[in-house]
Amino acid sequence: MKCNHHKAGFSLLGVGHATSLLLAISFTLCVGFDLLLPDHAMYETWQKLLPGFEWLSWKSFLLGLIEAYGYGWYFALIWVPIYNFVVLRGEKKV
């Protein structure tokens, strides 16, 4: 019996936006957490991960949001082609 199951690769556009939004939302939630609970703040971590980010102004927050979004695309631009290559290569062997 022949299996018609076809593996499909991931959409670069879909993964790029989804991952970027995940990181941007996470960044926003972390900033909110830091404002609500300053004794447990992680803003020093953000300062190390996001060049130019300082605690806290609207300009710095916007910069951090843009950089968090950019990191999502960095991930997607590397991960999706590797994943799709491995999946398509695996299909040819079956």
PDB file of N, CA and C in Angstrom:
ATOM      1  N   MET A   1       0.845  -1.179   0.000  1.00  0.00           N
ATOM      2  CA  MET A   1       0.000   0.000   0.000  1.00  0.00           C
ATOM      3  C   MET A   1       0.889   1.240   0.000  1.00  0.00           C
ATOM      4  N   LYS A   2       0.594   2.155  -0.888  1.00  0.00           N
ATOM      5  CA  LYS A   2       1.388   3.369  -1.017  1.00  0.00           C
ATOM      6  C   LYS A   2       0.859   4.451  -0.074  1.00  0.00           C
ATOM      7  N   CYS A   3       1.772   5.092   0.638  1.00  0.00           N
ATOM      8  CA  CYS A   3       1.405   6.163   1.569  1.00  0.00           C
ATOM      9  C   CYS A   3       1.461   7.494   0.837  1.00  0.00           C
ATOM     10  N   ASN A   4       0.389   8.249   0.910  1.00  0.00           N
ATOM     11  CA  ASN A   4       0.343   9.559   0.251  1.00  0.00           C
ATOM     12  C   ASN A   4       0.689  10.699   1.190  1.00  0.00           C
ATOM     13  N   HIS A   5       1.240  10.361   2.348  1.00  0.00           N
ATOM     14  CA  HIS A   5       1.620  11.396   3.311  1.00  0.00           C
ATOM     15  C   HIS A   5       2.791  12.188   2.748  1.00  0.00           C
ATOM     16  N   HIS A   6       2.656  13.478   2.683  1.00  0.00           N
ATOM     17  CA  HIS A   6       3.720  14.326   2.146  1.00  0.00           C
ATOM     18  C   HIS A   6       4.169  15.296   3.227  1.00  0.00           C
ATOM     19  N   LYS A   7       5.443  15.300   3.505  1.00  0.00           N
ATOM     20  CA  LYS A   7       5.990  16.240   4.471  1.00  0.00           C
ATOM     21  C   LYS A   7       6.184  17.585   3.787  1.00  0.00           C
ATOM     22  N   ALA A   8       5.742  18.604   4.440  1.00  0.00           N
ATOM     23  CA  ALA A   8       5.909  19.944   3.883  1.00  0.00           C
ATOM     24  C   ALA A   8       6.857  20.739   4.767  1.00  0.00           C
ATOM     25  N   GLY A   9       7.608  21.607   4.152  1.00  0.00           N
ATOM     26  CA  GLY A   9       8.503  22.457   4.908  1.00  0.00           C
ATOM     27  C   GLY A   9       7.748  23.598   5.559  1.00  0.00           C
ATOM     28  N   PHE A  10       8.438  24.323   6.406  1.00  0.00           N
ATOM     29  CA  PHE A  10       7.851  25.477   7.081  1.00  0.00           C
ATOM     30  C   PHE A  10       7.939  26.703   6.188  1.00  0.00           C
ATOM     31  N   SER A  11       6.986  27.579   6.329  1.00  0.00           N
ATOM     32  CA  SER A  11       6.971  28.859   5.633  1.00  0.00           C
ATOM     33  C   SER A  11       7.906  29.821   6.350  1.00  0.00           C
ATOM     34  N   LEU A  12       8.864  30.364   5.633  1.00  0.00           N
ATOM     35  CA  LEU A  12       9.787  31.337   6.217  1.00  0.00           C
ATOM     36  C   LEU A  12       9.020  32.562   6.724  1.00  0.00           C
ATOM     37  N   LEU A  13       8.080  33.030   5.950  1.00  0.00           N
ATOM     38  CA  LEU A  13       7.302  34.199   6.335  1.00  0.00           C
ATOM     39  C   LEU A  13       6.494  33.926   7.610  1.00  0.00           C
ATOM     40  N   GLY A  14       5.838  32.776   7.662  1.00  0.00           N
ATOM     41  CA  GLY A  14       5.037  32.425   8.834  1.00  0.00           C
ATOM     42  C   GLY A  14       5.872  32.276  10.089  1.00  0.00           C
ATOM     43  N   VAL A  15       6.966  31.523   9.987  1.00  0.00           N
ATOM     44  CA  VAL A  15       7.832  31.318  11.154  1.00  0.00           C
ATOM     45  C   VAL A  15       8.509  32.628  11.557  1.00  0.00           C
ATOM     46  N   GLY A  16       8.902  33.416  10.579  1.00  0.00           N
ATOM     47  CA  GLY A  16       9.552  34.696  10.880  1.00  0.00           C
ATOM     48  C   GLY A  16       8.660  35.620  11.685  1.00  0.00           C
ATOM     49  N   HIS A  17       7.434  35.807  11.204  1.00  0.00           N
ATOM     50  CA  HIS A  17       6.518  36.699  11.931  1.00  0.00           C
ATOM     51  C   HIS A  17       6.085  36.100  13.266  1.00  0.00           C
ATOM     52  N   ALA A  18       5.796  34.812  13.299  1.00  0.00           N
ATOM     53  CA  ALA A  18       5.342  34.181  14.548  1.00  0.00           C
ATOM     54  C   ALA A  18       6.423  34.244  15.621  1.00  0.00           C
ATOM     55  N   THR A  19       7.653  33.912  15.267  1.00  0.00           N
ATOM     56  CA  THR A  19       8.746  33.936  16.230  1.00  0.00           C
ATOM     57  C   THR A  19       9.047  35.367  16.668  1.00  0.00           C
ATOM     58  N   SER A  20       9.019  36.285  15.728  1.00  0.00           N
ATOM     59  CA  SER A  20       9.279  37.683  16.045  1.00  0.00           C
ATOM     60  C   SER A  20       8.214  38.253  16.974  1.00  0.00           C
ATOM     61  N   LEU A  21       6.963  37.924  16.712  1.00  0.00           N
ATOM     62  CA  LEU A  21       5.890  38.385  17.596  1.00  0.00           C
ATOM     63  C   LEU A  21       6.001  37.759  18.978  1.00  0.00           C
ATOM     64  N   LEU A  22       6.372  36.484  19.038  1.00  0.00           N
ATOM     65  CA  LEU A  22       6.574  35.825  20.336  1.00  0.00           C
ATOM     66  C   LEU A  22       7.629  36.577  21.152  1.00  0.00           C
ATOM     67  N   LEU A  23       8.748  36.903  20.529  1.00  0.00           N
ATOM     68  CA  LEU A  23       9.820  37.596  21.251  1.00  0.00           C
ATOM     69  C   LEU A  23       9.434  39.030  21.599  1.00  0.00           C
ATOM     70  N   ALA A  24       8.726  39.718  20.713  1.00  0.00           N
ATOM     71  CA  ALA A  24       8.297  41.093  20.999  1.00  0.00           C
ATOM     72  C   ALA A  24       7.281  41.116  22.146  1.00  0.00           C
ATOM     73  N   ILE A  25       6.347  40.184  22.143  1.00  0.00           N
ATOM     74  CA  ILE A  25       5.368  40.099  23.231  1.00  0.00           C
ATOM     75  C   ILE A  25       6.062  39.726  24.531  1.00  0.00           C
ATOM     76  N   SER A  26       6.993  38.791  24.477  1.00  0.00           N
ATOM     77  CA  SER A  26       7.733  38.391  25.677  1.00  0.00           C
ATOM     78  C   SER A  26       8.526  39.560  26.246  1.00  0.00           C
ATOM     79  N   PHE A  27       9.163  40.326  25.370  1.00  0.00           N
ATOM     80  CA  PHE A  27       9.907  41.509  25.797  1.00  0.00           C
ATOM     81  C   PHE A  27       8.975  42.498  26.498  1.00  0.00           C
ATOM     82  N   THR A  28       7.814  42.756  25.898  1.00  0.00           N
ATOM     83  CA  THR A  28       6.848  43.682  26.474  1.00  0.00           C
ATOM     84  C   THR A  28       6.368  43.198  27.843  1.00  0.00           C
ATOM     85  N   LEU A  29       6.063  41.910  27.957  1.00  0.00           N
ATOM     86  CA  LEU A  29       5.626  41.355  29.241  1.00  0.00           C
ATOM     87  C   LEU A  29       6.733  41.449  30.292  1.00  0.00           C
ATOM     88  N   CYS A  30       7.968  41.210  29.889  1.00  0.00           N
ATOM     89  CA  CYS A  30       9.091  41.300  30.832  1.00  0.00           C
ATOM     90  C   CYS A  30       9.297  42.732  31.320  1.00  0.00           C
ATOM     91  N   VAL A  31       9.163  43.699  30.424  1.00  0.00           N
ATOM     92  CA  VAL A  31       9.284  45.103  30.834  1.00  0.00           C
ATOM     93  C   VAL A  31       8.164  45.440  31.821  1.00  0.00           C
ATOM     94  N   GLY A  32       6.955  44.991  31.529  1.00  0.00           N
ATOM     95  CA  GLY A  32       5.844  45.210  32.449  1.00  0.00           C
ATOM     96  C   GLY A  32       6.092  44.567  33.802  1.00  0.00           C
ATOM     97  N   PHE A  33       6.612  43.336  33.786  1.00  0.00           N
ATOM     98  CA  PHE A  33       6.955  42.630  35.028  1.00  0.00           C
ATOM     99  C   PHE A  33       7.995  43.425  35.817  1.00  0.00           C
ATOM    100  N   ASP A  34       9.007  43.936  35.119  1.00  0.00           N
ATOM    101  CA  ASP A  34      10.064  44.716  35.777  1.00  0.00           C
ATOM    102  C   ASP A  34       9.504  45.989  36.418  1.00  0.00           C
ATOM    103  N   LEU A  35       8.527  46.614  35.762  1.00  0.00           N
ATOM    104  CA  LEU A  35       7.920  47.830  36.314  1.00  0.00           C
ATOM    105  C   LEU A  35       7.058  47.511  37.542  1.00  0.00           C
ATOM    106  N   LEU A  36       6.368  46.356  37.508  1.00  0.00           N
ATOM    107  CA  LEU A  36       5.508  45.961  38.630  1.00  0.00           C
ATOM    108  C   LEU A  36       6.298  45.427  39.823  1.00  0.00           C
ATOM    109  N   LEU A  37       7.373  44.702  39.539  1.00  0.00           N
ATOM    110  CA  LEU A  37       8.181  44.082  40.594  1.00  0.00           C
ATOM    111  C   LEU A  37       9.654  44.440  40.411  1.00  0.00           C
ATOM    112  N   PRO A  38      10.028  45.674  40.724  1.00  0.00           N
ATOM    113  CA  PRO A  38      11.402  46.124  40.461  1.00  0.00           C
ATOM    114  C   PRO A  38      12.478  45.345  41.219  1.00  0.00           C
ATOM    115  N   ASP A  39      12.117  44.716  42.331  1.00  0.00           N
ATOM    116  CA  ASP A  39      13.110  43.919  43.076  1.00  0.00           C
ATOM    117  C   ASP A  39      13.506  42.648  42.328  1.00  0.00           C
ATOM    118  N   HIS A  40      12.691  42.240  41.365  1.00  0.00           N
ATOM    119  CA  HIS A  40      12.958  41.020  40.593  1.00  0.00           C
ATOM    120  C   HIS A  40      13.189  41.343  39.106  1.00  0.00           C
ATOM    121  N   ALA A  41      13.589  42.558  38.835  1.00  0.00           N
ATOM    122  CA  ALA A  41      13.721  43.035  37.459  1.00  0.00           C
ATOM    123  C   ALA A  41      14.830  42.314  36.697  1.00  0.00           C
ATOM    124  N   MET A  42      14.607  42.171  35.375  1.00  0.00           N
ATOM    125  CA  MET A  42      15.597  41.546  34.496  1.00  0.00           C
ATOM    126  C   MET A  42      16.154  42.532  33.476  1.00  0.00           C
ATOM    127  N   TYR A  43      15.920  43.818  33.690  1.00  0.00           N
ATOM    128  CA  TYR A  43      16.330  44.779  32.663  1.00  0.00           C
ATOM    129  C   TYR A  43      17.829  44.751  32.387  1.00  0.00           C
ATOM    130  N   GLU A  44      18.635  44.334  33.371  1.00  0.00           N
ATOM    131  CA  GLU A  44      20.083  44.240  33.121  1.00  0.00           C
ATOM    132  C   GLU A  44      20.377  43.170  32.071  1.00  0.00           C
ATOM    133  N   THR A  45      19.585  42.122  32.049  1.00  0.00           N
ATOM    134  CA  THR A  45      19.731  41.081  31.025  1.00  0.00           C
ATOM    135  C   THR A  45      19.389  41.647  29.657  1.00  0.00           C
ATOM    136  N   TRP A  46      18.293  42.424  29.581  1.00  0.00           N
ATOM    137  CA  TRP A  46      17.923  43.032  28.302  1.00  0.00           C
ATOM    138  C   TRP A  46      19.013  43.980  27.821  1.00  0.00           C
ATOM    139  N   GLN A  47      19.653  44.689  28.730  1.00  0.00           N
ATOM    140  CA  GLN A  47      20.725  45.608  28.339  1.00  0.00           C
ATOM    141  C   GLN A  47      21.888  44.851  27.697  1.00  0.00           C
ATOM    142  N   LYS A  48      22.129  43.627  28.141  1.00  0.00           N
ATOM    143  CA  LYS A  48      23.211  42.823  27.563  1.00  0.00           C
ATOM    144  C   LYS A  48      22.816  42.219  26.218  1.00  0.00           C
ATOM    145  N   LEU A  49      21.537  41.862  26.056  1.00  0.00           N
ATOM    146  CA  LEU A  49      21.080  41.191  24.843  1.00  0.00           C
ATOM    147  C   LEU A  49      20.677  42.138  23.723  1.00  0.00           C
ATOM    148  N   LEU A  50      20.255  43.335  24.083  1.00  0.00           N
ATOM    149  CA  LEU A  50      19.731  44.275  23.090  1.00  0.00           C
ATOM    150  C   LEU A  50      20.603  45.535  23.038  1.00  0.00           C
ATOM    151  N   PRO A  51      21.459  45.654  22.028  1.00  0.00           N
ATOM    152  CA  PRO A  51      22.363  46.807  21.930  1.00  0.00           C
ATOM    153  C   PRO A  51      21.603  48.133  21.936  1.00  0.00           C
ATOM    154  N   GLY A  52      22.041  49.046  22.792  1.00  0.00           N
ATOM    155  CA  GLY A  52      21.435  50.369  22.876  1.00  0.00           C
ATOM    156  C   GLY A  52      20.256  50.462  23.824  1.00  0.00           C
ATOM    157  N   PHE A  53      19.765  49.328  24.328  1.00  0.00           N
ATOM    158  CA  PHE A  53      18.632  49.355  25.249  1.00  0.00           C
ATOM    159  C   PHE A  53      19.084  49.883  26.602  1.00  0.00           C
ATOM    160  N   GLU A  54      18.333  50.844  27.120  1.00  0.00           N
ATOM    161  CA  GLU A  54      18.591  51.400  28.444  1.00  0.00           C
ATOM    162  C   GLU A  54      17.284  51.376  29.219  1.00  0.00           C
ATOM    163  N   TRP A  55      17.363  51.392  30.506  1.00  0.00           N
ATOM    164  CA  TRP A  55      16.159  51.372  31.341  1.00  0.00           C
ATOM    165  C   TRP A  55      15.769  52.775  31.679  1.00  0.00           C
ATOM    166  N   LEU A  56      14.631  53.213  31.523  1.00  0.00           N
ATOM    167  CA  LEU A  56      13.612  52.920  30.550  1.00  0.00           C
ATOM    168  C   LEU A  56      13.067  54.243  30.050  1.00  0.00           C
ATOM    169  N   SER A  57      13.007  54.357  28.754  1.00  0.00           N
ATOM    170  CA  SER A  57      12.359  55.478  28.088  1.00  0.00           C
ATOM    171  C   SER A  57      11.549  54.894  26.939  1.00  0.00           C
ATOM    172  N   TRP A  58      10.637  55.692  26.379  1.00  0.00           N
ATOM    173  CA  TRP A  58       9.859  55.202  25.248  1.00  0.00           C
ATOM    174  C   TRP A  58      10.759  54.871  24.058  1.00  0.00           C
ATOM    175  N   LYS A  59      11.766  55.703  23.845  1.00  0.00           N
ATOM    176  CA  LYS A  59      12.703  55.461  22.732  1.00  0.00           C
ATOM    177  C   LYS A  59      13.441  54.142  22.944  1.00  0.00           C
ATOM    178  N   SER A  60      13.904  53.901  24.157  1.00  0.00           N
ATOM    179  CA  SER A  60      14.627  52.675  24.468  1.00  0.00           C
ATOM    180  C   SER A  60      13.699  51.458  24.386  1.00  0.00           C
ATOM    181  N   PHE A  61      12.468  51.612  24.863  1.00  0.00           N
ATOM    182  CA  PHE A  61      11.499  50.517  24.786  1.00  0.00           C
ATOM    183  C   PHE A  61      11.227  50.150  23.326  1.00  0.00           C
ATOM    184  N   LEU A  62      11.017  51.156  22.486  1.00  0.00           N
ATOM    185  CA  LEU A  62      10.764  50.915  21.062  1.00  0.00           C
ATOM    186  C   LEU A  62      11.964  50.230  20.410  1.00  0.00           C
ATOM    187  N   LEU A  63      13.169  50.683  20.745  1.00  0.00           N
ATOM    188  CA  LEU A  63      14.376  50.049  20.223  1.00  0.00           C
ATOM    189  C   LEU A  63      14.436  48.574  20.648  1.00  0.00           C
ATOM    190  N   GLY A  64      14.167  48.295  21.920  1.00  0.00           N
ATOM    191  CA  GLY A  64      14.167  46.920  22.410  1.00  0.00           C
ATOM    192  C   GLY A  64      13.127  46.072  21.708  1.00  0.00           C
ATOM    193  N   LEU A  65      11.952  46.632  21.460  1.00  0.00           N
ATOM    194  CA  LEU A  65      10.885  45.925  20.767  1.00  0.00           C
ATOM    195  C   LEU A  65      11.301  45.582  19.337  1.00  0.00           C
ATOM    196  N   ILE A  66      11.909  46.542  18.663  1.00  0.00           N
ATOM    197  CA  ILE A  66      12.384  46.317  17.285  1.00  0.00           C
ATOM    198  C   ILE A  66      13.488  45.255  17.272  1.00  0.00           C
ATOM    199  N   GLU A  67      14.405  45.335  18.227  1.00  0.00           N
ATOM    200  CA  GLU A  67      15.490  44.348  18.271  1.00  0.00           C
ATOM    201  C   GLU A  67      14.969  42.959  18.618  1.00  0.00           C
ATOM    202  N   ALA A  68      14.006  42.860  19.530  1.00  0.00           N
ATOM    203  CA  ALA A  68      13.413  41.564  19.859  1.00  0.00           C
ATOM    204  C   ALA A  68      12.756  40.974  18.618  1.00  0.00           C
ATOM    205  N   TYR A  69      12.032  41.797  17.869  1.00  0.00           N
ATOM    206  CA  TYR A  69      11.401  41.357  16.622  1.00  0.00           C
ATOM    207  C   TYR A  69      12.473  40.899  15.628  1.00  0.00           C
ATOM    208  N   GLY A  70      13.556  41.639  15.557  1.00  0.00           N
ATOM    209  CA  GLY A  70      14.655  41.276  14.655  1.00  0.00           C
ATOM    210  C   GLY A  70      15.297  39.946  15.010  1.00  0.00           C
ATOM    211  N   TYR A  71      15.439  39.666  16.310  1.00  0.00           N
ATOM    212  CA  TYR A  71      15.988  38.376  16.730  1.00  0.00           C
ATOM    213  C   TYR A  71      15.103  37.229  16.260  1.00  0.00           C
ATOM    214  N   GLY A  72      13.803  37.441  16.227  1.00  0.00           N
ATOM    215  CA  GLY A  72      12.900  36.410  15.719  1.00  0.00           C
ATOM    216  C   GLY A  72      13.173  36.102  14.256  1.00  0.00           C
ATOM    217  N   TRP A  73      13.413  37.147  13.482  1.00  0.00           N
ATOM    218  CA  TRP A  73      13.740  36.934  12.067  1.00  0.00           C
ATOM    219  C   TRP A  73      15.117  36.300  11.899  1.00  0.00           C
ATOM    220  N   TYR A  74      16.052  36.668  12.742  1.00  0.00           N
ATOM    221  CA  TYR A  74      17.377  36.037  12.710  1.00  0.00           C
ATOM    222  C   TYR A  74      17.221  34.525  12.888  1.00  0.00           C
ATOM    223  N   PHE A  75      16.442  34.139  13.888  1.00  0.00           N
ATOM    224  CA  PHE A  75      16.184  32.715  14.141  1.00  0.00           C
ATOM    225  C   PHE A  75      15.548  32.064  12.916  1.00  0.00           C
ATOM    226  N   ALA A  76      14.492  32.668  12.397  1.00  0.00           N
ATOM    227  CA  ALA A  76      13.751  32.087  11.278  1.00  0.00           C
ATOM    228  C   ALA A  76      14.609  31.959  10.020  1.00  0.00           C
ATOM    229  N   LEU A  77      15.419  32.987   9.738  1.00  0.00           N
ATOM    230  CA  LEU A  77      16.237  32.972   8.523  1.00  0.00           C
ATOM    231  C   LEU A  77      17.299  31.873   8.548  1.00  0.00           C
ATOM    232  N   ILE A  78      17.683  31.452   9.734  1.00  0.00           N
ATOM    233  CA  ILE A  78      18.653  30.361   9.841  1.00  0.00           C
ATOM    234  C   ILE A  78      17.950  29.019   9.999  1.00  0.00           C
ATOM    235  N   TRP A  79      16.953  28.948  10.879  1.00  0.00           N
ATOM    236  CA  TRP A  79      16.337  27.672  11.244  1.00  0.00           C
ATOM    237  C   TRP A  79      15.454  27.092  10.143  1.00  0.00           C
ATOM    238  N   VAL A  80      14.610  27.911   9.527  1.00  0.00           N
ATOM    239  CA  VAL A  80      13.660  27.400   8.532  1.00  0.00           C
ATOM    240  C   VAL A  80      14.364  26.760   7.329  1.00  0.00           C
ATOM    241  N   PRO A  81      15.352  27.408   6.717  1.00  0.00           N
ATOM    242  CA  PRO A  81      16.019  26.744   5.590  1.00  0.00           C
ATOM    243  C   PRO A  81      16.717  25.438   5.997  1.00  0.00           C
ATOM    244  N   ILE A  82      17.316  25.418   7.179  1.00  0.00           N
ATOM    245  CA  ILE A  82      17.959  24.179   7.636  1.00  0.00           C
ATOM    246  C   ILE A  82      16.907  23.093   7.826  1.00  0.00           C
ATOM    247  N   TYR A  83      15.811  23.419   8.501  1.00  0.00           N
ATOM    248  CA  TYR A  83      14.740  22.452   8.728  1.00  0.00           C
ATOM    249  C   TYR A  83      14.178  21.947   7.400  1.00  0.00           C
ATOM    250  N   ASN A  84      13.858  22.863   6.497  1.00  0.00           N
ATOM    251  CA  ASN A  84      13.281  22.467   5.209  1.00  0.00           C
ATOM    252  C   ASN A  84      14.249  21.609   4.409  1.00  0.00           C
ATOM    253  N   PHE A  85      15.525  21.909   4.458  1.00  0.00           N
ATOM    254  CA  PHE A  85      16.527  21.097   3.766  1.00  0.00           C
ATOM    255  C   PHE A  85      16.542  19.675   4.326  1.00  0.00           C
ATOM    256  N   VAL A  86      16.543  19.564   5.644  1.00  0.00           N
ATOM    257  CA  VAL A  86      16.584  18.244   6.278  1.00  0.00           C
ATOM    258  C   VAL A  86      15.319  17.454   5.954  1.00  0.00           C
ATOM    259  N   VAL A  87      14.162  18.097   6.001  1.00  0.00           N
ATOM    260  CA  VAL A  87      12.895  17.409   5.710  1.00  0.00           C
ATOM    261  C   VAL A  87      12.858  16.956   4.260  1.00  0.00           C
ATOM    262  N   LEU A  88      13.210  17.833   3.345  1.00  0.00           N
ATOM    263  CA  LEU A  88      13.174  17.467   1.917  1.00  0.00           C
ATOM    264  C   LEU A  88      14.196  16.396   1.593  1.00  0.00           C
ATOM    265  N   ARG A  89      15.349  16.455   2.223  1.00  0.00           N
ATOM    266  CA  ARG A  89      16.379  15.418   2.023  1.00  0.00           C
ATOM    267  C   ARG A  89      15.879  14.087   2.543  1.00  0.00           C
ATOM    268  N   GLY A  90      15.191  14.103   3.678  1.00  0.00           N
ATOM    269  CA  GLY A  90      14.635  12.897   4.260  1.00  0.00           C
ATOM    270  C   GLY A  90      13.565  12.283   3.391  1.00  0.00           C
ATOM    271  N   GLU A  91      12.778  13.119   2.702  1.00  0.00           N
ATOM    272  CA  GLU A  91      11.732  12.635   1.795  1.00  0.00           C
ATOM    273  C   GLU A  91      12.331  11.858   0.636  1.00  0.00           C
ATOM    274  N   LYS A  92      13.439  12.328   0.119  1.00  0.00           N
ATOM    275  CA  LYS A  92      14.061  11.684  -1.034  1.00  0.00           C
ATOM    276  C   LYS A  92      14.584  10.296  -0.705  1.00  0.00           C
ATOM    277  N   LYS A  93      14.923  10.076   0.569  1.00  0.00           N
ATOM    278  CA  LYS A  93      15.459   8.783   0.976  1.00  0.00           C
ATOM    279  C   LYS A  93      14.365   7.747   1.191  1.00  0.00           C
ATOM    280  N   VAL A  94      13.120   8.204   1.393  1.00  0.00           N
ATOM    281  CA  VAL A  94      12.025   7.276   1.683  1.00  0.00           C
ATOM    282  C   VAL A  94      11.481   6.667   0.445  1.00  0.00           C
TER     283      VAL A  94
END
